[in-house]
C-alpha atoms as a PDB file:
ATOM      1  CA  UNK A   1       0.372 -26.986 -14.666  1.00  0.00           C
ATOM      2  CA  UNK A   2      -3.144 -27.579 -13.343  1.00  0.00           C
ATOM      3  CA  UNK A   3      -5.518 -24.812 -12.312  1.00  0.00           C
ATOM      4  CA  UNK A   4      -5.005 -25.357  -8.558  1.00  0.00           C
ATOM      5  CA  UNK A   5      -1.216 -24.979  -8.901  1.00  0.00           C
ATOM      6  CA  UNK A   6      -1.535 -21.804 -10.990  1.00  0.00           C
ATOM      7  CA  UNK A   7      -4.064 -20.389  -8.494  1.00  0.00           C
ATOM      8  CA  UNK A   8      -1.707 -21.112  -5.581  1.00  0.00           C
ATOM      9  CA  UNK A   9       1.226 -19.399  -7.326  1.00  0.00           C
ATOM     10  CA  UNK A  10      -0.907 -16.342  -8.162  1.00  0.00           C
ATOM     11  CA  UNK A  11      -2.184 -16.214  -4.565  1.00  0.00           C
ATOM     12  CA  UNK A  12       1.366 -16.303  -3.168  1.00  0.00           C
ATOM     13  CA  UNK A  13       2.530 -13.568  -5.567  1.00  0.00           C
ATOM     14  CA  UNK A  14      -0.537 -11.482  -4.678  1.00  0.00           C
ATOM     15  CA  UNK A  15       0.080 -11.962  -0.939  1.00  0.00           C
ATOM     16  CA  UNK A  16       3.759 -11.018  -1.296  1.00  0.00           C
ATOM     17  CA  UNK A  17       2.852  -7.850  -3.191  1.00  0.00           C
ATOM     18  CA  UNK A  18      -0.004  -6.836  -0.863  1.00  0.00           C
ATOM     19  CA  UNK A  19       1.899  -7.463   2.382  1.00  0.00           C
ATOM     20  CA  UNK A  20       5.340  -6.535   1.025  1.00  0.00           C
ATOM     21  CA  UNK A  21       4.382  -3.128  -0.322  1.00  0.00           C
ATOM     22  CA  UNK A  22       6.143  -1.319   2.525  1.00  0.00           C
ATOM     23  CA  UNK A  23       9.520  -2.989   1.884  1.00  0.00           C
ATOM     24  CA  UNK A  24      10.729  -0.153  -0.329  1.00  0.00           C
ATOM     25  CA  UNK A  25       9.979   2.318   2.468  1.00  0.00           C
ATOM     26  CA  UNK A  26      11.948   0.178   4.947  1.00  0.00           C
ATOM     27  CA  UNK A  27      14.891   0.003   2.538  1.00  0.00           C
ATOM     28  CA  UNK A  28      14.797   3.746   1.836  1.00  0.00           C
ATOM     29  CA  UNK A  29      14.595   4.682   5.526  1.00  0.00           C
ATOM     30  CA  UNK A  30      17.299   2.218   6.604  1.00  0.00           C
ATOM     31  CA  UNK A  31      19.796   3.359   3.955  1.00  0.00           C
ATOM     32  CA  UNK A  32      19.020   7.092   3.755  1.00  0.00           C
ATOM     33  CA  UNK A  33      22.087   8.150   5.817  1.00  0.00           C
ATOM     34  CA  UNK A  34      24.544   6.104   3.755  1.00  0.00           C
ATOM     35  CA  UNK A  35      26.764   7.621   1.078  1.00  0.00           C
ATOM     36  CA  UNK A  36      25.301   7.265  -2.419  1.00  0.00           C
ATOM     37  CA  UNK A  37      27.810   4.583  -3.476  1.00  0.00           C
ATOM     38  CA  UNK A  38      26.852   2.354  -0.513  1.00  0.00           C
ATOM     39  CA  UNK A  39      23.078   2.591  -0.870  1.00  0.00           C
ATOM     40  CA  UNK A  40      22.825   0.076  -3.717  1.00  0.00           C
ATOM     41  CA  UNK A  41      24.987  -2.358  -1.725  1.00  0.00           C
ATOM     42  CA  UNK A  42      22.697  -1.964   1.287  1.00  0.00           C
ATOM     43  CA  UNK A  43      19.612  -2.500  -0.892  1.00  0.00           C
ATOM     44  CA  UNK A  44      20.918  -5.660  -2.587  1.00  0.00           C
ATOM     45  CA  UNK A  45      22.566  -7.170   0.510  1.00  0.00           C
ATOM     46  CA  UNK A  46      19.663  -6.315   2.825  1.00  0.00           C
ATOM     47  CA  UNK A  47      17.001  -7.497   0.397  1.00  0.00           C
ATOM     48  CA  UNK A  48      18.928 -10.675  -0.495  1.00  0.00           C
ATOM     49  CA  UNK A  49      19.441 -11.664   3.143  1.00  0.00           C
ATOM     50  CA  UNK A  50      15.836 -10.745   4.000  1.00  0.00           C
ATOM     51  CA  UNK A  51      14.556 -12.989   1.204  1.00  0.00           C
ATOM     52  CA  UNK A  52      16.707 -15.922   2.396  1.00  0.00           C
ATOM     53  CA  UNK A  53      15.509 -15.474   5.994  1.00  0.00           C
ATOM     54  CA  UNK A  54      11.900 -15.173   4.817  1.00  0.00           C
ATOM     55  CA  UNK A  55      12.166 -18.395   2.757  1.00  0.00           C
ATOM     56  CA  UNK A  56      13.572 -20.242   5.796  1.00  0.00           C
ATOM     57  CA  UNK A  57      10.827 -18.860   8.079  1.00  0.00           C
ATOM     58  CA  UNK A  58       8.115 -19.708   5.542  1.00  0.00           C
ATOM     59  CA  UNK A  59       9.424 -23.277   5.145  1.00  0.00           C
ATOM     60  CA  UNK A  60       9.358 -23.631   8.959  1.00  0.00           C
ATOM     61  CA  UNK A  61       5.819 -22.230   8.986  1.00  0.00           C
ATOM     62  CA  UNK A  62       4.755 -24.703   6.264  1.00  0.00           C
ATOM     63  CA  UNK A  63       5.905 -27.597   8.446  1.00  0.00           C
ATOM     64  CA  UNK A  64       4.444 -26.063  11.614  1.00  0.00           C
ATOM     65  CA  UNK A  65       1.046 -25.817   9.904  1.00  0.00           C
ATOM     66  CA  UNK A  66       1.004 -29.628   9.669  1.00  0.00           C
ATOM     67  CA  UNK A  67       0.647 -29.730  13.487  1.00  0.00           C
ATOM     68  CA  UNK A  68      -2.994 -30.444  14.467  1.00  0.00           C
ATOM     69  CA  UNK A  69      -5.227 -27.348  14.458  1.00  0.00           C
ATOM     70  CA  UNK A  70      -2.383 -24.924  13.601  1.00  0.00           C
ATOM     71  CA  UNK A  71      -3.811 -24.635  10.079  1.00  0.00           C
ATOM     72  CA  UNK A  72      -7.098 -23.560  11.685  1.00  0.00           C
ATOM     73  CA  UNK A  73      -5.356 -21.101  14.035  1.00  0.00           C
ATOM     74  CA  UNK A  74      -3.267 -19.747  11.144  1.00  0.00           C
ATOM     75  CA  UNK A  75      -6.442 -19.195   9.151  1.00  0.00           C
ATOM     76  CA  UNK A  76      -8.017 -17.150  11.946  1.00  0.00           C
ATOM     77  CA  UNK A  77      -4.781 -15.159  12.387  1.00  0.00           C
ATOM     78  CA  UNK A  78      -4.844 -14.374   8.677  1.00  0.00           C
ATOM     79  CA  UNK A  79      -8.448 -13.168   8.963  1.00  0.00           C
ATOM     80  CA  UNK A  80      -7.244 -10.684  11.617  1.00  0.00           C
ATOM     81  CA  UNK A  81      -4.327  -9.628   9.382  1.00  0.00           C
ATOM     82  CA  UNK A  82      -6.693  -9.056   6.451  1.00  0.00           C
ATOM     83  CA  UNK A  83      -9.026  -7.001   8.675  1.00  0.00           C
ATOM     84  CA  UNK A  84      -6.109  -4.912   9.987  1.00  0.00           C
ATOM     85  CA  UNK A  85      -5.002  -4.220   6.424  1.00  0.00           C
ATOM     86  CA  UNK A  86      -8.390  -2.570   5.806  1.00  0.00           C
ATOM     87  CA  UNK A  87      -8.640  -0.529   9.006  1.00  0.00           C
ATOM     88  CA  UNK A  88      -4.955   0.264   9.671  1.00  0.00           C
ATOM     89  CA  UNK A  89      -4.202   3.945  10.199  1.00  0.00           C
ATOM     90  CA  UNK A  90      -0.498   3.856  10.961  1.00  0.00           C
ATOM     91  CA  UNK A  91       2.610   2.890   9.050  1.00  0.00           C
ATOM     92  CA  UNK A  92       4.868   0.290  10.654  1.00  0.00           C
ATOM     93  CA  UNK A  93       7.793   1.664   8.676  1.00  0.00           C
ATOM     94  CA  UNK A  94       7.680   5.014  10.472  1.00  0.00           C
ATOM     95  CA  UNK A  95       9.797   3.714  13.357  1.00  0.00           C
ATOM     96  CA  UNK A  96      12.645   2.375  11.182  1.00  0.00           C
ATOM     97  CA  UNK A  97      15.977   3.953  12.075  1.00  0.00           C
ATOM     98  CA  UNK A  98      18.525   4.859   9.436  1.00  0.00           C
ATOM     99  CA  UNK A  99      21.860   3.056   9.602  1.00  0.00           C
ATOM    100  CA  UNK A 100      25.073   5.096   9.507  1.00  0.00           C
ATOM    101  CA  UNK A 101      27.170   2.183   8.216  1.00  0.00           C
ATOM    102  CA  UNK A 102      26.558  -0.421   5.521  1.00  0.00           C
ATOM    103  CA  UNK A 103      26.399  -3.219   8.107  1.00  0.00           C
ATOM    104  CA  UNK A 104      23.954  -1.303  10.310  1.00  0.00           C
ATOM    105  CA  UNK A 105      21.679  -0.528   7.349  1.00  0.00           C
ATOM    106  CA  UNK A 106      21.683  -4.182   6.208  1.00  0.00           C
ATOM    107  CA  UNK A 107      20.900  -5.386   9.748  1.00  0.00           C
ATOM    108  CA  UNK A 108      18.040  -2.888  10.001  1.00  0.00           C
ATOM    109  CA  UNK A 109      16.564  -3.987   6.651  1.00  0.00           C
ATOM    110  CA  UNK A 110      16.739  -7.691   7.571  1.00  0.00           C
ATOM    111  CA  UNK A 111      15.398  -7.217  11.119  1.00  0.00           C
ATOM    112  CA  UNK A 112      12.580  -4.929   9.981  1.00  0.00           C
ATOM    113  CA  UNK A 113      11.637  -7.391   7.232  1.00  0.00           C
ATOM    114  CA  UNK A 114      11.450 -10.242   9.754  1.00  0.00           C
ATOM    115  CA  UNK A 115       9.282  -8.238  12.186  1.00  0.00           C
ATOM    116  CA  UNK A 116       7.050  -6.739   9.498  1.00  0.00           C
ATOM    117  CA  UNK A 117       6.969  -9.914   7.408  1.00  0.00           C
ATOM    118  CA  UNK A 118       5.463 -12.324   9.942  1.00  0.00           C
ATOM    119  CA  UNK A 119       2.003 -11.795   8.473  1.00  0.00           C
ATOM    120  CA  UNK A 120       3.463 -12.509   5.039  1.00  0.00           C
ATOM    121  CA  UNK A 121       5.064 -15.748   6.266  1.00  0.00           C
ATOM    122  CA  UNK A 122       1.775 -17.025   7.741  1.00  0.00           C
ATOM    123  CA  UNK A 123      -0.185 -16.116   4.604  1.00  0.00           C
ATOM    124  CA  UNK A 124       2.300 -17.634   2.128  1.00  0.00           C
ATOM    125  CA  UNK A 125       2.657 -20.814   4.194  1.00  0.00           C
ATOM    126  CA  UNK A 126      -1.123 -21.199   4.161  1.00  0.00           C
ATOM    127  CA  UNK A 127      -1.417 -20.582   0.422  1.00  0.00           C
ATOM    128  CA  UNK A 128       1.396 -23.052  -0.366  1.00  0.00           C
ATOM    129  CA  UNK A 129      -0.359 -26.021   1.321  1.00  0.00           C
ATOM    130  CA  UNK A 130       2.963 -27.696   2.089  1.00  0.00           C
ATOM    131  CA  UNK A 131       4.559 -27.139  -1.328  1.00  0.00           C
ATOM    132  CA  UNK A 132       7.982 -25.528  -0.705  1.00  0.00           C
ATOM    133  CA  UNK A 133       8.595 -25.071  -4.450  1.00  0.00           C
ATOM    134  CA  UNK A 134       5.553 -22.782  -4.613  1.00  0.00           C
ATOM    135  CA  UNK A 135       6.996 -20.661  -1.781  1.00  0.00           C
ATOM    136  CA  UNK A 136      10.309 -20.220  -3.600  1.00  0.00           C
ATOM    137  CA  UNK A 137       8.672 -19.535  -7.000  1.00  0.00           C
ATOM    138  CA  UNK A 138       6.312 -16.989  -5.431  1.00  0.00           C
ATOM    139  CA  UNK A 139       9.151 -15.143  -3.698  1.00  0.00           C
ATOM    140  CA  UNK A 140      11.429 -15.176  -6.752  1.00  0.00           C
ATOM    141  CA  UNK A 141       8.681 -13.659  -8.890  1.00  0.00           C
ATOM    142  CA  UNK A 142       7.311 -11.180  -6.370  1.00  0.00           C
ATOM    143  CA  UNK A 143      10.496  -9.859  -4.691  1.00  0.00           C
ATOM    144  CA  UNK A 144      11.715  -7.931  -7.772  1.00  0.00           C
ATOM    145  CA  UNK A 145       8.195  -6.500  -8.106  1.00  0.00           C
ATOM    146  CA  UNK A 146       8.220  -5.507  -4.425  1.00  0.00           C
ATOM    147  CA  UNK A 147      11.714  -3.949  -4.475  1.00  0.00           C
ATOM    148  CA  UNK A 148      11.340  -2.008  -7.709  1.00  0.00           C
ATOM    149  CA  UNK A 149       7.605  -1.466  -7.835  1.00  0.00           C
ATOM    150  CA  UNK A 150       6.366  -1.199  -4.256  1.00  0.00           C
ATOM    151  CA  UNK A 151       6.362   2.600  -4.299  1.00  0.00           C
ATOM    152  CA  UNK A 152       4.005   2.426  -7.271  1.00  0.00           C
ATOM    153  CA  UNK A 153       1.906  -0.245  -5.528  1.00  0.00           C
ATOM    154  CA  UNK A 154       1.659   1.887  -2.378  1.00  0.00           C
ATOM    155  CA  UNK A 155       0.754   4.958  -4.446  1.00  0.00           C
ATOM    156  CA  UNK A 156      -1.962   3.035  -6.304  1.00  0.00           C
ATOM    157  CA  UNK A 157      -3.374   1.614  -3.057  1.00  0.00           C
ATOM    158  CA  UNK A 158      -3.560   5.114  -1.559  1.00  0.00           C
ATOM    159  CA  UNK A 159      -4.999   6.565  -4.773  1.00  0.00           C
ATOM    160  CA  UNK A 160      -7.489   3.738  -5.342  1.00  0.00           C
ATOM    161  CA  UNK A 161      -8.738   2.397  -1.967  1.00  0.00           C
ATOM    162  CA  UNK A 162     -10.591  -0.446  -3.699  1.00  0.00           C
ATOM    163  CA  UNK A 163      -7.195  -2.071  -4.383  1.00  0.00           C
ATOM    164  CA  UNK A 164      -6.695  -2.378  -0.617  1.00  0.00           C
ATOM    165  CA  UNK A 165     -10.029  -4.204  -0.411  1.00  0.00           C
ATOM    166  CA  UNK A 166      -8.834  -6.452  -3.239  1.00  0.00           C
ATOM    167  CA  UNK A 167      -5.672  -7.244  -1.275  1.00  0.00           C
ATOM    168  CA  UNK A 168      -7.690  -7.975   1.862  1.00  0.00           C
ATOM    169  CA  UNK A 169      -9.939 -10.267  -0.203  1.00  0.00           C
ATOM    170  CA  UNK A 170      -6.861 -12.256  -1.348  1.00  0.00           C
ATOM    171  CA  UNK A 171      -5.784 -12.711   2.281  1.00  0.00           C
ATOM    172  CA  UNK A 172      -9.319 -13.602   3.394  1.00  0.00           C
ATOM    173  CA  UNK A 173      -9.630 -16.176   0.600  1.00  0.00           C
ATOM    174  CA  UNK A 174      -6.325 -17.744   1.684  1.00  0.00           C
ATOM    175  CA  UNK A 175      -7.501 -17.751   5.315  1.00  0.00           C
ATOM    176  CA  UNK A 176     -10.720 -19.545   4.325  1.00  0.00           C
ATOM    177  CA  UNK A 177      -8.711 -22.104   2.363  1.00  0.00           C
ATOM    178  CA  UNK A 178      -6.446 -22.707   5.373  1.00  0.00           C
ATOM    179  CA  UNK A 179      -9.462 -23.300   7.630  1.00  0.00           C
ATOM    180  CA  UNK A 180     -11.024 -25.591   5.015  1.00  0.00           C
ATOM    181  CA  UNK A 181      -7.780 -27.597   4.721  1.00  0.00           C
ATOM    182  CA  UNK A 182      -7.521 -28.302   8.463  1.00  0.00           C
ATOM    183  CA  UNK A 183      -7.081 -32.089   8.505  1.00  0.00           C
ATOM    184  CA  UNK A 184      -8.712 -32.496  11.901  1.00  0.00           C
ATOM    185  CA  UNK A 185     -11.902 -30.959  10.516  1.00  0.00           C
ATOM    186  CA  UNK A 186     -11.903 -33.105   7.363  1.00  0.00           C
ATOM    187  CA  UNK A 187     -14.800 -35.280   8.527  1.00  0.00           C
ATOM    188  CA  UNK A 188     -16.849 -32.197   9.441  1.00  0.00           C
ATOM    189  CA  UNK A 189     -16.322 -30.575   6.031  1.00  0.00           C
ATOM    190  CA  UNK A 190     -16.943 -33.919   4.309  1.00  0.00           C
ATOM    191  CA  UNK A 191     -20.352 -34.016   5.980  1.00  0.00           C
ATOM    192  CA  UNK A 192     -21.001 -30.353   5.100  1.00  0.00           C
ATOM    193  CA  UNK A 193     -19.537 -30.093   1.600  1.00  0.00           C
ATOM    194  CA  UNK A 194     -21.316 -26.838   0.738  1.00  0.00           C
ATOM    195  CA  UNK A 195     -19.831 -25.146   3.823  1.00  0.00           C
ATOM    196  CA  UNK A 196     -16.337 -26.353   2.921  1.00  0.00           C
ATOM    197  CA  UNK A 197     -16.750 -25.036  -0.622  1.00  0.00           C
ATOM    198  CA  UNK A 198     -18.020 -21.611   0.415  1.00  0.00           C
ATOM    199  CA  UNK A 199     -15.785 -20.963   3.453  1.00  0.00           C
ATOM    200  CA  UNK A 200     -13.240 -18.861   1.475  1.00  0.00           C
ATOM    201  CA  UNK A 201     -16.054 -16.692   0.089  1.00  0.00           C
ATOM    202  CA  UNK A 202     -17.746 -16.405   3.495  1.00  0.00           C
ATOM    203  CA  UNK A 203     -14.398 -15.287   4.939  1.00  0.00           C
ATOM    204  CA  UNK A 204     -14.025 -12.663   2.198  1.00  0.00           C
ATOM    205  CA  UNK A 205     -17.541 -11.331   2.941  1.00  0.00           C
ATOM    206  CA  UNK A 206     -16.916 -11.183   6.721  1.00  0.00           C
ATOM    207  CA  UNK A 207     -13.575  -9.353   6.360  1.00  0.00           C
ATOM    208  CA  UNK A 208     -14.729  -6.862   3.707  1.00  0.00           C
ATOM    209  CA  UNK A 209     -18.069  -6.042   5.354  1.00  0.00           C
ATOM    210  CA  UNK A 210     -16.533  -5.638   8.839  1.00  0.00           C
ATOM    211  CA  UNK A 211     -13.739  -3.486   7.367  1.00  0.00           C
ATOM    212  CA  UNK A 212     -16.252  -1.278   5.546  1.00  0.00           C
ATOM    213  CA  UNK A 213     -18.347  -0.890   8.721  1.00  0.00           C
ATOM    214  CA  UNK A 214     -15.331   0.110  10.851  1.00  0.00           C
ATOM    215  CA  UNK A 215     -14.062   2.533   8.196  1.00  0.00           C
ATOM    216  CA  UNK A 216     -17.539   4.058   7.830  1.00  0.00           C
ATOM    217  CA  UNK A 217     -17.852   4.675  11.590  1.00  0.00           C
ATOM    218  CA  UNK A 218     -14.331   6.108  11.634  1.00  0.00           C
ATOM    219  CA  UNK A 219     -15.198   8.438   8.761  1.00  0.00           C
ATOM    220  CA  UNK A 220     -18.384   9.616  10.542  1.00  0.00           C
ATOM    221  CA  UNK A 221     -16.389  10.316  13.749  1.00  0.00           C
ATOM    222  CA  UNK A 222     -13.808  12.346  11.814  1.00  0.00           C
ATOM    223  CA  UNK A 223     -16.550  14.440  10.232  1.00  0.00           C
ATOM    224  CA  UNK A 224     -18.112  15.147  13.642  1.00  0.00           C
ATOM    225  CA  UNK A 225     -14.770  16.024  15.260  1.00  0.00           C
ATOM    226  CA  UNK A 226     -14.471  19.794  15.967  1.00  0.00           C
ATOM    227  CA  UNK A 227     -11.546  21.576  14.302  1.00  0.00           C
END
């Protein structure tokens, strides 16, 4: 495998882990009211169906990104997603309802994954650059990590905030690549080769610096708030 292929696979796995870290919380919340013997069924059925749906959605997104300027729009959307990852205060999983039956729990897991996984779909589609095999390989490798290790990933991200910045940098790099791969801007980037080369790194700098600034102001406000 060449370096570009390996980089794309690692990017997809990184994106899946960074944006899929809350999947374990969704699964736990959705299945918490089930009897013990049904919880494993809910986990495997819900996760399996969610993965299938996510692959289908990502494949659709890969083809949609071939439409003129959608690669550019997707790149800007991913910049926003990366920024939100840095400055987010809430947890999307907090509103997940527990299912009282196996079917209800599975439906909740799948629906929540679709709603919460749209950012993941956009990011993976952009990193794959039209290669469906990369999407499938990335999901097959990262899903077991997400399901069994996401609690650890979430703990590490909370314990070591720099990991969150690392995750945002992965998304920003992918966003820059998406913008740089917009076919309708090929002639522009061909005339400005240095800009095309550095766009992913410029995107990383913009996202990280803006995230740090917002978090710094937020921290100052919290310190000034009367108790």
